[in-house]
């Protein structure tokens, strides 16, 4: 386990121009992070056709996609707080 990341919490997100949005790569990232002691949440989200999915300000155009990303971020914060006894 690497001291800098061991015990950290991660939610996985990906974006790519392909239709799957980098989904297949998340399998590898999940494996690597798990092997170095990161608690990887089961929730994940991939944005396909990313070149069309984001507005000029960098935000996701689709409210459902934006909500999915925000939900994963909130879940990471919730789990991290619980692990630190701050829930």
PDB file of N, CA and C in Angstrom:
ATOM      1  N   UNK A   1       0.845  -1.176   0.000  1.00  0.00           N
ATOM      2  CA  UNK A   1       0.000   0.000   0.000  1.00  0.00           C
ATOM      3  C   UNK A   1       0.894   1.245   0.000  1.00  0.00           C
ATOM      4  N   UNK A   2       0.530   2.227  -0.806  1.00  0.00           N
ATOM      5  CA  UNK A   2       1.265   3.482  -0.854  1.00  0.00           C
ATOM      6  C   UNK A   2       0.723   4.431   0.217  1.00  0.00           C
ATOM      7  N   UNK A   3       1.594   4.979   1.027  1.00  0.00           N
ATOM      8  CA  UNK A   3       1.177   5.800   2.155  1.00  0.00           C
ATOM      9  C   UNK A   3       0.344   7.016   1.738  1.00  0.00           C
ATOM     10  N   UNK A   4       0.637   7.581   0.593  1.00  0.00           N
ATOM     11  CA  UNK A   4      -0.073   8.795   0.163  1.00  0.00           C
ATOM     12  C   UNK A   4      -1.523   8.533  -0.222  1.00  0.00           C
ATOM     13  N   UNK A   5      -1.850   7.317  -0.614  1.00  0.00           N
ATOM     14  CA  UNK A   5      -3.210   7.036  -1.082  1.00  0.00           C
ATOM     15  C   UNK A   5      -3.940   5.990  -0.252  1.00  0.00           C
ATOM     16  N   UNK A   6      -3.242   5.239   0.542  1.00  0.00           N
ATOM     17  CA  UNK A   6      -3.874   4.199   1.340  1.00  0.00           C
ATOM     18  C   UNK A   6      -4.950   4.765   2.242  1.00  0.00           C
ATOM     19  N   UNK A   7      -6.117   4.157   2.206  1.00  0.00           N
ATOM     20  CA  UNK A   7      -7.218   4.604   3.042  1.00  0.00           C
ATOM     21  C   UNK A   7      -8.034   5.748   2.462  1.00  0.00           C
ATOM     22  N   UNK A   8      -7.655   6.233   1.306  1.00  0.00           N
ATOM     23  CA  UNK A   8      -8.424   7.290   0.639  1.00  0.00           C
ATOM     24  C   UNK A   8      -9.649   6.682  -0.020  1.00  0.00           C
ATOM     25  N   UNK A   9     -10.615   7.537  -0.336  1.00  0.00           N
ATOM     26  CA  UNK A   9     -11.856   7.119  -0.971  1.00  0.00           C
ATOM     27  C   UNK A   9     -11.896   7.693  -2.378  1.00  0.00           C
ATOM     28  N   UNK A  10     -12.358   6.890  -3.336  1.00  0.00           N
ATOM     29  CA  UNK A  10     -12.441   7.357  -4.719  1.00  0.00           C
ATOM     30  C   UNK A  10     -13.766   6.943  -5.348  1.00  0.00           C
ATOM     31  N   UNK A  11     -14.299   7.836  -6.141  1.00  0.00           N
ATOM     32  CA  UNK A  11     -15.413   7.545  -7.025  1.00  0.00           C
ATOM     33  C   UNK A  11     -14.869   7.701  -8.435  1.00  0.00           C
ATOM     34  N   UNK A  12     -15.251   6.835  -9.327  1.00  0.00           N
ATOM     35  CA  UNK A  12     -14.650   6.841 -10.656  1.00  0.00           C
ATOM     36  C   UNK A  12     -15.530   7.547 -11.679  1.00  0.00           C
ATOM     37  N   UNK A  13     -14.889   8.417 -12.452  1.00  0.00           N
ATOM     38  CA  UNK A  13     -15.528   9.149 -13.537  1.00  0.00           C
ATOM     39  C   UNK A  13     -14.610   9.097 -14.744  1.00  0.00           C
ATOM     40  N   UNK A  14     -15.202   9.097 -15.915  1.00  0.00           N
ATOM     41  CA  UNK A  14     -14.422   9.126 -17.148  1.00  0.00           C
ATOM     42  C   UNK A  14     -15.198   9.890 -18.206  1.00  0.00           C
ATOM     43  N   UNK A  15     -14.480  10.395 -19.168  1.00  0.00           N
ATOM     44  CA  UNK A  15     -15.097  11.055 -20.325  1.00  0.00           C
ATOM     45  C   UNK A  15     -14.197  10.823 -21.527  1.00  0.00           C
ATOM     46  N   UNK A  16     -14.815  10.521 -22.657  1.00  0.00           N
ATOM     47  CA  UNK A  16     -14.047  10.342 -23.885  1.00  0.00           C
ATOM     48  C   UNK A  16     -14.957  10.627 -25.070  1.00  0.00           C
ATOM     49  N   UNK A  17     -14.362  10.820 -26.244  1.00  0.00           N
ATOM     50  CA  UNK A  17     -15.187  11.092 -27.419  1.00  0.00           C
ATOM     51  C   UNK A  17     -15.939   9.863 -27.924  1.00  0.00           C
ATOM     52  N   UNK A  18     -15.569   8.693 -27.466  1.00  0.00           N
ATOM     53  CA  UNK A  18     -16.253   7.474 -27.901  1.00  0.00           C
ATOM     54  C   UNK A  18     -17.610   7.320 -27.242  1.00  0.00           C
ATOM     55  N   UNK A  19     -18.415   6.418 -27.738  1.00  0.00           N
ATOM     56  CA  UNK A  19     -19.763   6.249 -27.198  1.00  0.00           C
ATOM     57  C   UNK A  19     -19.807   5.686 -25.775  1.00  0.00           C
ATOM     58  N   UNK A  20     -18.769   4.973 -25.360  1.00  0.00           N
ATOM     59  CA  UNK A  20     -18.754   4.403 -24.008  1.00  0.00           C
ATOM     60  C   UNK A  20     -18.131   5.339 -22.978  1.00  0.00           C
ATOM     61  N   UNK A  21     -17.557   6.427 -23.409  1.00  0.00           N
ATOM     62  CA  UNK A  21     -17.059   7.439 -22.488  1.00  0.00           C
ATOM     63  C   UNK A  21     -15.896   7.034 -21.617  1.00  0.00           C
ATOM     64  N   UNK A  22     -15.135   6.038 -22.023  1.00  0.00           N
ATOM     65  CA  UNK A  22     -14.005   5.597 -21.197  1.00  0.00           C
ATOM     66  C   UNK A  22     -14.386   4.540 -20.177  1.00  0.00           C
ATOM     67  N   UNK A  23     -15.581   4.007 -20.292  1.00  0.00           N
ATOM     68  CA  UNK A  23     -16.086   3.031 -19.334  1.00  0.00           C
ATOM     69  C   UNK A  23     -15.165   1.824 -19.172  1.00  0.00           C
ATOM     70  N   UNK A  24     -14.637   1.324 -20.274  1.00  0.00           N
ATOM     71  CA  UNK A  24     -13.766   0.141 -20.188  1.00  0.00           C
ATOM     72  C   UNK A  24     -12.486   0.437 -19.416  1.00  0.00           C
ATOM     73  N   UNK A  25     -11.979   1.643 -19.504  1.00  0.00           N
ATOM     74  CA  UNK A  25     -10.770   2.006 -18.773  1.00  0.00           C
ATOM     75  C   UNK A  25     -10.980   2.054 -17.273  1.00  0.00           C
ATOM     76  N   UNK A  26     -12.217   2.297 -16.853  1.00  0.00           N
ATOM     77  CA  UNK A  26     -12.491   2.371 -15.422  1.00  0.00           C
ATOM     78  C   UNK A  26     -12.280   1.033 -14.723  1.00  0.00           C
ATOM     79  N   UNK A  27     -12.427  -0.055 -15.447  1.00  0.00           N
ATOM     80  CA  UNK A  27     -12.174  -1.380 -14.874  1.00  0.00           C
ATOM     81  C   UNK A  27     -10.715  -1.470 -14.431  1.00  0.00           C
ATOM     82  N   UNK A  28      -9.821  -1.023 -15.274  1.00  0.00           N
ATOM     83  CA  UNK A  28      -8.390  -1.060 -14.954  1.00  0.00           C
ATOM     84  C   UNK A  28      -8.055  -0.099 -13.823  1.00  0.00           C
ATOM     85  N   UNK A  29      -8.613   1.106 -13.883  1.00  0.00           N
ATOM     86  CA  UNK A  29      -8.356   2.090 -12.819  1.00  0.00           C
ATOM     87  C   UNK A  29      -8.853   1.558 -11.478  1.00  0.00           C
ATOM     88  N   UNK A  30     -10.041   0.953 -11.486  1.00  0.00           N
ATOM     89  CA  UNK A  30     -10.601   0.378 -10.252  1.00  0.00           C
ATOM     90  C   UNK A  30      -9.651  -0.673  -9.676  1.00  0.00           C
ATOM     91  N   UNK A  31      -9.131  -1.525 -10.518  1.00  0.00           N
ATOM     92  CA  UNK A  31      -8.227  -2.582 -10.084  1.00  0.00           C
ATOM     93  C   UNK A  31      -6.944  -2.005  -9.491  1.00  0.00           C
ATOM     94  N   UNK A  32      -6.363  -1.059 -10.188  1.00  0.00           N
ATOM     95  CA  UNK A  32      -5.114  -0.458  -9.706  1.00  0.00           C
ATOM     96  C   UNK A  32      -5.318   0.236  -8.375  1.00  0.00           C
ATOM     97  N   UNK A  33      -6.357   1.059  -8.290  1.00  0.00           N
ATOM     98  CA  UNK A  33      -6.601   1.783  -7.032  1.00  0.00           C
ATOM     99  C   UNK A  33      -6.872   0.825  -5.879  1.00  0.00           C
ATOM    100  N   UNK A  34      -7.665  -0.203  -6.132  1.00  0.00           N
ATOM    101  CA  UNK A  34      -7.937  -1.185  -5.086  1.00  0.00           C
ATOM    102  C   UNK A  34      -6.675  -1.885  -4.607  1.00  0.00           C
ATOM    103  N   UNK A  35      -5.762  -2.143  -5.518  1.00  0.00           N
ATOM    104  CA  UNK A  35      -4.513  -2.821  -5.169  1.00  0.00           C
ATOM    105  C   UNK A  35      -3.544  -1.952  -4.384  1.00  0.00           C
ATOM    106  N   UNK A  36      -3.722  -0.645  -4.408  1.00  0.00           N
ATOM    107  CA  UNK A  36      -2.819   0.227  -3.639  1.00  0.00           C
ATOM    108  C   UNK A  36      -3.511   0.799  -2.396  1.00  0.00           C
ATOM    109  N   UNK A  37      -4.643   0.203  -2.025  1.00  0.00           N
ATOM    110  CA  UNK A  37      -5.271   0.548  -0.749  1.00  0.00           C
ATOM    111  C   UNK A  37      -6.309   1.644  -0.786  1.00  0.00           C
ATOM    112  N   UNK A  38      -6.775   2.017  -1.967  1.00  0.00           N
ATOM    113  CA  UNK A  38      -7.828   3.028  -2.068  1.00  0.00           C
ATOM    114  C   UNK A  38      -9.177   2.320  -1.991  1.00  0.00           C
ATOM    115  N   UNK A  39     -10.086   2.883  -1.214  1.00  0.00           N
ATOM    116  CA  UNK A  39     -11.445   2.369  -1.151  1.00  0.00           C
ATOM    117  C   UNK A  39     -12.205   2.953  -2.339  1.00  0.00           C
ATOM    118  N   UNK A  40     -12.488   2.127  -3.335  1.00  0.00           N
ATOM    119  CA  UNK A  40     -13.145   2.579  -4.556  1.00  0.00           C
ATOM    120  C   UNK A  40     -14.631   2.266  -4.436  1.00  0.00           C
ATOM    121  N   UNK A  41     -15.434   3.303  -4.498  1.00  0.00           N
ATOM    122  CA  UNK A  41     -16.880   3.129  -4.386  1.00  0.00           C
ATOM    123  C   UNK A  41     -17.430   2.401  -5.605  1.00  0.00           C
ATOM    124  N   UNK A  42     -18.518   1.673  -5.448  1.00  0.00           N
ATOM    125  CA  UNK A  42     -19.080   0.963  -6.591  1.00  0.00           C
ATOM    126  C   UNK A  42     -19.670   1.902  -7.636  1.00  0.00           C
ATOM    127  N   UNK A  43     -20.088   3.086  -7.220  1.00  0.00           N
ATOM    128  CA  UNK A  43     -20.647   4.043  -8.162  1.00  0.00           C
ATOM    129  C   UNK A  43     -19.572   4.526  -9.128  1.00  0.00           C
ATOM    130  N   UNK A  44     -19.937   4.636 -10.383  1.00  0.00           N
ATOM    131  CA  UNK A  44     -19.040   5.205 -11.380  1.00  0.00           C
ATOM    132  C   UNK A  44     -19.889   5.763 -12.505  1.00  0.00           C
ATOM    133  N   UNK A  45     -19.288   6.634 -13.308  1.00  0.00           N
ATOM    134  CA  UNK A  45     -20.036   7.236 -14.409  1.00  0.00           C
ATOM    135  C   UNK A  45     -19.070   7.576 -15.531  1.00  0.00           C
ATOM    136  N   UNK A  46     -19.515   7.341 -16.754  1.00  0.00           N
ATOM    137  CA  UNK A  46     -18.708   7.647 -17.930  1.00  0.00           C
ATOM    138  C   UNK A  46     -19.534   8.512 -18.883  1.00  0.00           C
ATOM    139  N   UNK A  47     -18.919   9.570 -19.356  1.00  0.00           N
ATOM    140  CA  UNK A  47     -19.572  10.489 -20.288  1.00  0.00           C
ATOM    141  C   UNK A  47     -19.090  10.167 -21.694  1.00  0.00           C
ATOM    142  N   UNK A  48     -19.983   9.636 -22.500  1.00  0.00           N
ATOM    143  CA  UNK A  48     -19.663   9.366 -23.892  1.00  0.00           C
ATOM    144  C   UNK A  48     -19.836  10.616 -24.739  1.00  0.00           C
ATOM    145  N   UNK A  49     -19.193  10.614 -25.895  1.00  0.00           N
ATOM    146  CA  UNK A  49     -19.240  11.762 -26.805  1.00  0.00           C
ATOM    147  C   UNK A  49     -18.948  13.071 -26.055  1.00  0.00           C
ATOM    148  N   UNK A  50     -17.877  13.026 -25.292  1.00  0.00           N
ATOM    149  CA  UNK A  50     -17.538  14.146 -24.415  1.00  0.00           C
ATOM    150  C   UNK A  50     -17.348  15.448 -25.174  1.00  0.00           C
ATOM    151  N   UNK A  51     -16.927  15.358 -26.424  1.00  0.00           N
ATOM    152  CA  UNK A  51     -16.727  16.570 -27.216  1.00  0.00           C
ATOM    153  C   UNK A  51     -18.049  17.300 -27.467  1.00  0.00           C
ATOM    154  N   UNK A  52     -19.167  16.613 -27.245  1.00  0.00           N
ATOM    155  CA  UNK A  52     -20.483  17.226 -27.393  1.00  0.00           C
ATOM    156  C   UNK A  52     -21.178  17.435 -26.050  1.00  0.00           C
ATOM    157  N   UNK A  53     -20.674  16.827 -24.991  1.00  0.00           N
ATOM    158  CA  UNK A  53     -21.372  16.769 -23.710  1.00  0.00           C
ATOM    159  C   UNK A  53     -21.162  17.984 -22.815  1.00  0.00           C
ATOM    160  N   UNK A  54     -20.100  18.744 -23.066  1.00  0.00           N
ATOM    161  CA  UNK A  54     -19.756  19.855 -22.181  1.00  0.00           C
ATOM    162  C   UNK A  54     -20.010  21.191 -22.858  1.00  0.00           C
ATOM    163  N   UNK A  55     -20.486  22.144 -22.057  1.00  0.00           N
ATOM    164  CA  UNK A  55     -20.681  23.497 -22.554  1.00  0.00           C
ATOM    165  C   UNK A  55     -19.378  24.262 -22.553  1.00  0.00           C
ATOM    166  N   UNK A  56     -19.412  25.470 -23.050  1.00  0.00           N
ATOM    167  CA  UNK A  56     -18.205  26.301 -23.107  1.00  0.00           C
ATOM    168  C   UNK A  56     -17.646  26.594 -21.730  1.00  0.00           C
ATOM    169  N   UNK A  57     -18.501  26.598 -20.712  1.00  0.00           N
ATOM    170  CA  UNK A  57     -18.036  26.867 -19.345  1.00  0.00           C
ATOM    171  C   UNK A  57     -17.494  25.609 -18.654  1.00  0.00           C
ATOM    172  N   UNK A  58     -17.510  24.479 -19.367  1.00  0.00           N
ATOM    173  CA  UNK A  58     -16.972  23.238 -18.822  1.00  0.00           C
ATOM    174  C   UNK A  58     -17.988  22.378 -18.097  1.00  0.00           C
ATOM    175  N   UNK A  59     -19.208  22.853 -17.958  1.00  0.00           N
ATOM    176  CA  UNK A  59     -20.222  22.065 -17.268  1.00  0.00           C
ATOM    177  C   UNK A  59     -20.913  21.120 -18.243  1.00  0.00           C
ATOM    178  N   UNK A  60     -21.429  20.038 -17.690  1.00  0.00           N
ATOM    179  CA  UNK A  60     -22.167  19.088 -18.512  1.00  0.00           C
ATOM    180  C   UNK A  60     -23.494  19.707 -18.948  1.00  0.00           C
ATOM    181  N   UNK A  61     -23.821  19.537 -20.203  1.00  0.00           N
ATOM    182  CA  UNK A  61     -25.067  20.092 -20.739  1.00  0.00           C
ATOM    183  C   UNK A  61     -26.291  19.331 -20.237  1.00  0.00           C
ATOM    184  N   UNK A  62     -26.178  18.021 -20.145  1.00  0.00           N
ATOM    185  CA  UNK A  62     -27.306  17.173 -19.765  1.00  0.00           C
ATOM    186  C   UNK A  62     -27.481  17.172 -18.241  1.00  0.00           C
ATOM    187  N   UNK A  63     -28.632  17.601 -17.752  1.00  0.00           N
ATOM    188  CA  UNK A  63     -28.851  17.647 -16.299  1.00  0.00           C
ATOM    189  C   UNK A  63     -28.750  16.278 -15.624  1.00  0.00           C
ATOM    190  N   UNK A  64     -29.124  15.211 -16.312  1.00  0.00           N
ATOM    191  CA  UNK A  64     -29.021  13.872 -15.724  1.00  0.00           C
ATOM    192  C   UNK A  64     -27.566  13.461 -15.553  1.00  0.00           C
ATOM    193  N   UNK A  65     -26.745  13.795 -16.540  1.00  0.00           N
ATOM    194  CA  UNK A  65     -25.318  13.490 -16.423  1.00  0.00           C
ATOM    195  C   UNK A  65     -24.694  14.330 -15.316  1.00  0.00           C
ATOM    196  N   UNK A  66     -25.049  15.587 -15.263  1.00  0.00           N
ATOM    197  CA  UNK A  66     -24.516  16.479 -14.221  1.00  0.00           C
ATOM    198  C   UNK A  66     -24.900  15.940 -12.839  1.00  0.00           C
ATOM    199  N   UNK A  67     -26.135  15.504 -12.683  1.00  0.00           N
ATOM    200  CA  UNK A  67     -26.589  14.956 -11.409  1.00  0.00           C
ATOM    201  C   UNK A  67     -25.832  13.675 -11.052  1.00  0.00           C
ATOM    202  N   UNK A  68     -25.561  12.836 -12.030  1.00  0.00           N
ATOM    203  CA  UNK A  68     -24.817  11.599 -11.776  1.00  0.00           C
ATOM    204  C   UNK A  68     -23.415  11.906 -11.261  1.00  0.00           C
ATOM    205  N   UNK A  69     -22.753  12.865 -11.881  1.00  0.00           N
ATOM    206  CA  UNK A  69     -21.406  13.245 -11.453  1.00  0.00           C
ATOM    207  C   UNK A  69     -21.440  13.852 -10.050  1.00  0.00           C
ATOM    208  N   UNK A  70     -22.389  14.749  -9.820  1.00  0.00           N
ATOM    209  CA  UNK A  70     -22.509  15.382  -8.497  1.00  0.00           C
ATOM    210  C   UNK A  70     -22.824  14.348  -7.416  1.00  0.00           C
ATOM    211  N   UNK A  71     -23.635  13.360  -7.757  1.00  0.00           N
ATOM    212  CA  UNK A  71     -23.995  12.314  -6.808  1.00  0.00           C
ATOM    213  C   UNK A  71     -22.778  11.492  -6.394  1.00  0.00           C
ATOM    214  N   UNK A  72     -21.927  11.186  -7.347  1.00  0.00           N
ATOM    215  CA  UNK A  72     -20.708  10.434  -7.026  1.00  0.00           C
ATOM    216  C   UNK A  72     -19.796  11.276  -6.139  1.00  0.00           C
ATOM    217  N   UNK A  73     -19.648  12.539  -6.459  1.00  0.00           N
ATOM    218  CA  UNK A  73     -18.831  13.422  -5.618  1.00  0.00           C
ATOM    219  C   UNK A  73     -19.363  13.518  -4.199  1.00  0.00           C
ATOM    220  N   UNK A  74     -20.678  13.633  -4.076  1.00  0.00           N
ATOM    221  CA  UNK A  74     -21.295  13.705  -2.752  1.00  0.00           C
ATOM    222  C   UNK A  74     -21.097  12.409  -1.982  1.00  0.00           C
ATOM    223  N   UNK A  75     -21.177  11.298  -2.678  1.00  0.00           N
ATOM    224  CA  UNK A  75     -20.991   9.992  -2.027  1.00  0.00           C
ATOM    225  C   UNK A  75     -19.554   9.814  -1.553  1.00  0.00           C
ATOM    226  N   UNK A  76     -18.592  10.270  -2.345  1.00  0.00           N
ATOM    227  CA  UNK A  76     -17.192  10.219  -1.914  1.00  0.00           C
ATOM    228  C   UNK A  76     -17.021  11.030  -0.631  1.00  0.00           C
ATOM    229  N   UNK A  77     -17.574  12.232  -0.607  1.00  0.00           N
ATOM    230  CA  UNK A  77     -17.459  13.087   0.579  1.00  0.00           C
ATOM    231  C   UNK A  77     -18.134  12.437   1.786  1.00  0.00           C
ATOM    232  N   UNK A  78     -19.289  11.828   1.571  1.00  0.00           N
ATOM    233  CA  UNK A  78     -20.022  11.176   2.657  1.00  0.00           C
ATOM    234  C   UNK A  78     -19.226  10.013   3.247  1.00  0.00           C
ATOM    235  N   UNK A  79     -18.690   9.159   2.399  1.00  0.00           N
ATOM    236  CA  UNK A  79     -17.938   8.005   2.874  1.00  0.00           C
ATOM    237  C   UNK A  79     -16.633   8.442   3.557  1.00  0.00           C
ATOM    238  N   UNK A  80     -15.957   9.410   2.971  1.00  0.00           N
ATOM    239  CA  UNK A  80     -14.709   9.902   3.579  1.00  0.00           C
ATOM    240  C   UNK A  80     -14.972  10.492   4.971  1.00  0.00           C
ATOM    241  N   UNK A  81     -16.061  11.240   5.084  1.00  0.00           N
ATOM    242  CA  UNK A  81     -16.409  11.826   6.385  1.00  0.00           C
ATOM    243  C   UNK A  81     -16.744  10.733   7.400  1.00  0.00           C
ATOM    244  N   UNK A  82     -17.478   9.720   6.952  1.00  0.00           N
ATOM    245  CA  UNK A  82     -17.833   8.621   7.853  1.00  0.00           C
ATOM    246  C   UNK A  82     -16.589   7.888   8.335  1.00  0.00           C
ATOM    247  N   UNK A  83     -15.636   7.688   7.445  1.00  0.00           N
ATOM    248  CA  UNK A  83     -14.403   6.998   7.821  1.00  0.00           C
ATOM    249  C   UNK A  83     -13.572   7.797   8.814  1.00  0.00           C
ATOM    250  N   UNK A  84     -13.730   9.117   8.763  1.00  0.00           N
ATOM    251  CA  UNK A  84     -13.001   9.983   9.703  1.00  0.00           C
ATOM    252  C   UNK A  84     -13.807  10.236  10.969  1.00  0.00           C
ATOM    253  N   UNK A  85     -14.997   9.629  11.053  1.00  0.00           N
ATOM    254  CA  UNK A  85     -15.837   9.801  12.238  1.00  0.00           C
ATOM    255  C   UNK A  85     -16.552  11.132  12.273  1.00  0.00           C
ATOM    256  N   UNK A  86     -16.766  11.757  11.118  1.00  0.00           N
ATOM    257  CA  UNK A  86     -17.404  13.072  11.066  1.00  0.00           C
ATOM    258  C   UNK A  86     -18.815  13.017  10.500  1.00  0.00           C
ATOM    259  N   UNK A  87     -19.394  11.839  10.410  1.00  0.00           N
ATOM    260  CA  UNK A  87     -20.719  11.748   9.802  1.00  0.00           C
ATOM    261  C   UNK A  87     -21.821  12.047  10.803  1.00  0.00           C
TER     262      UNK A  87
END
